[in-house]
């Protein structure tokens, strides 16, 4: 079972290191990581950062974080993984995955592996199937 992420204070998106027990993956290109951070920064307008945030975690997983909404649930922000981008060292490309209700990741069948991470971020944003944003 993966370690529970700590609540993040402040509104800046970030890309965090893998939690204890998660496999270590070779580092993807730094410019691609910068693109993920920029995507997270532009996804939520500044006036809403006290309620919702986007973060990237390693392996590259986009996570929506929401502020506590009921006192009986405690002060922790909730986390909901939106999409995972996997870097293949051998092929030097990215593949997009979606998460099901049982917390299993599946390859997103409407995109092909690509060297351009921006293409996959655009597909997540467009979300033609409703699988990422509902």
C-alpha atoms as a PDB file:
ATOM      1  CA  UNK A   1       0.000   0.000   0.000  1.00  0.00           C
ATOM      2  CA  UNK A   2       1.433   3.393  -0.978  1.00  0.00           C
ATOM      3  CA  UNK A   3       2.198   5.970   1.660  1.00  0.00           C
ATOM      4  CA  UNK A   4      -0.462   8.614   2.114  1.00  0.00           C
ATOM      5  CA  UNK A   5       0.637  11.972   0.703  1.00  0.00           C
ATOM      6  CA  UNK A   6       0.922  14.896   3.071  1.00  0.00           C
ATOM      7  CA  UNK A   7      -1.339  17.892   2.641  1.00  0.00           C
ATOM      8  CA  UNK A   8       0.311  20.700   0.707  1.00  0.00           C
ATOM      9  CA  UNK A   9       0.183  24.248   1.968  1.00  0.00           C
ATOM     10  CA  UNK A  10       0.387  27.128  -0.488  1.00  0.00           C
ATOM     11  CA  UNK A  11      -0.893  27.208  -4.009  1.00  0.00           C
ATOM     12  CA  UNK A  12       2.098  26.375  -6.225  1.00  0.00           C
ATOM     13  CA  UNK A  13       1.932  23.148  -8.202  1.00  0.00           C
ATOM     14  CA  UNK A  14       4.901  20.834  -7.884  1.00  0.00           C
ATOM     15  CA  UNK A  15       6.232  17.509  -8.995  1.00  0.00           C
ATOM     16  CA  UNK A  16       7.006  15.395  -5.944  1.00  0.00           C
ATOM     17  CA  UNK A  17       9.286  12.405  -5.538  1.00  0.00           C
ATOM     18  CA  UNK A  18       7.864   8.867  -5.428  1.00  0.00           C
ATOM     19  CA  UNK A  19       6.384   7.739  -2.131  1.00  0.00           C
ATOM     20  CA  UNK A  20       8.184   5.051  -0.152  1.00  0.00           C
ATOM     21  CA  UNK A  21       7.697   1.665  -1.748  1.00  0.00           C
ATOM     22  CA  UNK A  22       6.921   3.007  -5.235  1.00  0.00           C
ATOM     23  CA  UNK A  23       9.256   1.871  -8.000  1.00  0.00           C
ATOM     24  CA  UNK A  24      12.002   4.251  -9.038  1.00  0.00           C
ATOM     25  CA  UNK A  25      11.834   5.243 -12.682  1.00  0.00           C
ATOM     26  CA  UNK A  26      14.667   6.821 -14.677  1.00  0.00           C
ATOM     27  CA  UNK A  27      14.161  10.547 -14.992  1.00  0.00           C
ATOM     28  CA  UNK A  28      12.234  11.779 -18.025  1.00  0.00           C
ATOM     29  CA  UNK A  29      13.437  14.840 -19.973  1.00  0.00           C
ATOM     30  CA  UNK A  30      13.542  17.984 -17.777  1.00  0.00           C
ATOM     31  CA  UNK A  31      11.687  20.061 -20.389  1.00  0.00           C
ATOM     32  CA  UNK A  32       8.817  17.568 -20.315  1.00  0.00           C
ATOM     33  CA  UNK A  33       8.645  17.808 -16.519  1.00  0.00           C
ATOM     34  CA  UNK A  34       8.594  21.610 -16.867  1.00  0.00           C
ATOM     35  CA  UNK A  35       5.650  21.247 -19.287  1.00  0.00           C
ATOM     36  CA  UNK A  36       3.731  19.187 -16.701  1.00  0.00           C
ATOM     37  CA  UNK A  37       4.401  21.784 -13.986  1.00  0.00           C
ATOM     38  CA  UNK A  38       3.280  24.588 -16.348  1.00  0.00           C
ATOM     39  CA  UNK A  39       0.127  22.591 -17.178  1.00  0.00           C
ATOM     40  CA  UNK A  40      -0.688  22.235 -13.479  1.00  0.00           C
ATOM     41  CA  UNK A  41      -0.074  25.950 -12.881  1.00  0.00           C
ATOM     42  CA  UNK A  42      -2.466  27.046 -15.636  1.00  0.00           C
ATOM     43  CA  UNK A  43      -5.194  24.490 -14.877  1.00  0.00           C
ATOM     44  CA  UNK A  44      -6.584  26.248 -11.770  1.00  0.00           C
ATOM     45  CA  UNK A  45      -7.254  30.003 -11.753  1.00  0.00           C
ATOM     46  CA  UNK A  46      -5.486  31.949  -8.940  1.00  0.00           C
ATOM     47  CA  UNK A  47      -8.768  32.900  -7.233  1.00  0.00           C
ATOM     48  CA  UNK A  48      -9.626  29.193  -6.726  1.00  0.00           C
ATOM     49  CA  UNK A  49      -6.284  27.978  -5.300  1.00  0.00           C
ATOM     50  CA  UNK A  50      -7.694  27.994  -1.761  1.00  0.00           C
ATOM     51  CA  UNK A  51     -10.236  25.348  -2.883  1.00  0.00           C
ATOM     52  CA  UNK A  52      -8.566  23.223  -5.556  1.00  0.00           C
ATOM     53  CA  UNK A  53      -5.040  22.559  -6.834  1.00  0.00           C
ATOM     54  CA  UNK A  54      -3.345  20.486  -9.498  1.00  0.00           C
ATOM     55  CA  UNK A  55      -0.115  18.714  -8.691  1.00  0.00           C
ATOM     56  CA  UNK A  56       2.188  16.374 -10.501  1.00  0.00           C
ATOM     57  CA  UNK A  57       3.785  13.451  -8.698  1.00  0.00           C
ATOM     58  CA  UNK A  58       6.383  10.943  -9.778  1.00  0.00           C
ATOM     59  CA  UNK A  59       5.835   8.701 -11.564  1.00  0.00           C
ATOM     60  CA  UNK A  60       4.237  11.544 -13.516  1.00  0.00           C
ATOM     61  CA  UNK A  61       0.688  11.514 -12.198  1.00  0.00           C
ATOM     62  CA  UNK A  62      -1.621  14.519 -12.394  1.00  0.00           C
ATOM     63  CA  UNK A  63      -3.507  14.844  -9.121  1.00  0.00           C
ATOM     64  CA  UNK A  64      -6.435  17.113  -8.317  1.00  0.00           C
ATOM     65  CA  UNK A  65      -6.353  18.266  -4.686  1.00  0.00           C
ATOM     66  CA  UNK A  66      -9.424  19.673  -2.944  1.00  0.00           C
ATOM     67  CA  UNK A  67      -9.671  21.623   0.279  1.00  0.00           C
ATOM     68  CA  UNK A  68     -11.497  20.067   3.250  1.00  0.00           C
ATOM     69  CA  UNK A  69     -15.201  20.605   2.781  1.00  0.00           C
ATOM     70  CA  UNK A  70     -16.664  19.095   5.951  1.00  0.00           C
ATOM     71  CA  UNK A  71     -15.176  19.538   9.421  1.00  0.00           C
ATOM     72  CA  UNK A  72     -15.950  15.960  10.453  1.00  0.00           C
ATOM     73  CA  UNK A  73     -13.593  14.699   7.707  1.00  0.00           C
ATOM     74  CA  UNK A  74     -10.658  16.604   9.201  1.00  0.00           C
ATOM     75  CA  UNK A  75      -8.278  19.267   7.894  1.00  0.00           C
ATOM     76  CA  UNK A  76      -6.596  17.099   5.218  1.00  0.00           C
ATOM     77  CA  UNK A  77      -6.922  17.988   1.556  1.00  0.00           C
ATOM     78  CA  UNK A  78      -8.263  15.128  -0.573  1.00  0.00           C
ATOM     79  CA  UNK A  79      -6.329  13.806  -3.559  1.00  0.00           C
ATOM     80  CA  UNK A  80      -7.794  12.407  -6.725  1.00  0.00           C
ATOM     81  CA  UNK A  81      -5.436  11.109  -9.435  1.00  0.00           C
ATOM     82  CA  UNK A  82      -6.557  12.314 -12.864  1.00  0.00           C
ATOM     83  CA  UNK A  83      -4.053  10.852 -15.337  1.00  0.00           C
ATOM     84  CA  UNK A  84      -0.664   9.167 -15.457  1.00  0.00           C
ATOM     85  CA  UNK A  85       2.039   9.779 -18.040  1.00  0.00           C
ATOM     86  CA  UNK A  86       4.639   7.041 -18.289  1.00  0.00           C
ATOM     87  CA  UNK A  87       8.050   7.656 -19.798  1.00  0.00           C
ATOM     88  CA  UNK A  88       9.636   4.737 -21.648  1.00  0.00           C
ATOM     89  CA  UNK A  89      13.407   4.919 -21.413  1.00  0.00           C
ATOM     90  CA  UNK A  90      13.925   2.336 -24.168  1.00  0.00           C
ATOM     91  CA  UNK A  91      11.507   3.958 -26.658  1.00  0.00           C
ATOM     92  CA  UNK A  92      12.030   7.511 -25.389  1.00  0.00           C
ATOM     93  CA  UNK A  93       8.320   8.321 -25.509  1.00  0.00           C
ATOM     94  CA  UNK A  94       5.311   8.988 -23.266  1.00  0.00           C
ATOM     95  CA  UNK A  95       2.143   6.913 -22.876  1.00  0.00           C
ATOM     96  CA  UNK A  96      -1.104   8.167 -21.319  1.00  0.00           C
ATOM     97  CA  UNK A  97      -3.045   6.167 -18.693  1.00  0.00           C
ATOM     98  CA  UNK A  98      -6.357   6.649 -16.889  1.00  0.00           C
ATOM     99  CA  UNK A  99      -7.404   5.303 -13.478  1.00  0.00           C
ATOM    100  CA  UNK A 100     -10.535   3.257 -12.869  1.00  0.00           C
ATOM    101  CA  UNK A 101     -12.731   3.201  -9.770  1.00  0.00           C
ATOM    102  CA  UNK A 102     -10.681   0.294  -8.380  1.00  0.00           C
ATOM    103  CA  UNK A 103      -7.514   2.411  -8.493  1.00  0.00           C
ATOM    104  CA  UNK A 104      -6.017   0.474 -11.410  1.00  0.00           C
ATOM    105  CA  UNK A 105      -4.264   2.260 -14.261  1.00  0.00           C
ATOM    106  CA  UNK A 106      -5.152   1.483 -17.899  1.00  0.00           C
ATOM    107  CA  UNK A 107      -3.597   2.647 -21.131  1.00  0.00           C
ATOM    108  CA  UNK A 108      -5.728   5.351 -22.719  1.00  0.00           C
ATOM    109  CA  UNK A 109      -6.685   3.814 -26.042  1.00  0.00           C
ATOM    110  CA  UNK A 110      -7.457   7.047 -27.920  1.00  0.00           C
ATOM    111  CA  UNK A 111      -3.853   8.237 -28.026  1.00  0.00           C
ATOM    112  CA  UNK A 112      -0.636   6.605 -29.121  1.00  0.00           C
ATOM    113  CA  UNK A 113       2.737   6.848 -27.392  1.00  0.00           C
ATOM    114  CA  UNK A 114       4.473  10.075 -28.368  1.00  0.00           C
ATOM    115  CA  UNK A 115       7.686  11.973 -27.774  1.00  0.00           C
ATOM    116  CA  UNK A 116       5.632  15.173 -27.383  1.00  0.00           C
ATOM    117  CA  UNK A 117       4.210  15.326 -23.865  1.00  0.00           C
ATOM    118  CA  UNK A 118       2.229  18.446 -24.857  1.00  0.00           C
ATOM    119  CA  UNK A 119       0.044  16.278 -27.122  1.00  0.00           C
ATOM    120  CA  UNK A 120      -0.966  14.109 -24.165  1.00  0.00           C
ATOM    121  CA  UNK A 121      -1.568  17.113 -21.895  1.00  0.00           C
ATOM    122  CA  UNK A 122      -3.848  18.563 -24.594  1.00  0.00           C
ATOM    123  CA  UNK A 123      -5.728  15.246 -24.788  1.00  0.00           C
ATOM    124  CA  UNK A 124      -6.219  15.290 -21.006  1.00  0.00           C
ATOM    125  CA  UNK A 125      -7.494  18.864 -21.234  1.00  0.00           C
ATOM    126  CA  UNK A 126      -9.854  18.075 -24.139  1.00  0.00           C
ATOM    127  CA  UNK A 127     -11.061  14.878 -22.424  1.00  0.00           C
ATOM    128  CA  UNK A 128     -13.348  13.759 -25.263  1.00  0.00           C
ATOM    129  CA  UNK A 129     -14.405  10.610 -23.357  1.00  0.00           C
ATOM    130  CA  UNK A 130     -14.975  12.265 -19.962  1.00  0.00           C
ATOM    131  CA  UNK A 131     -12.591   9.756 -18.391  1.00  0.00           C
ATOM    132  CA  UNK A 132     -10.236  12.314 -16.835  1.00  0.00           C
ATOM    133  CA  UNK A 133     -12.453  15.164 -15.672  1.00  0.00           C
ATOM    134  CA  UNK A 134     -15.852  13.446 -15.645  1.00  0.00           C
END
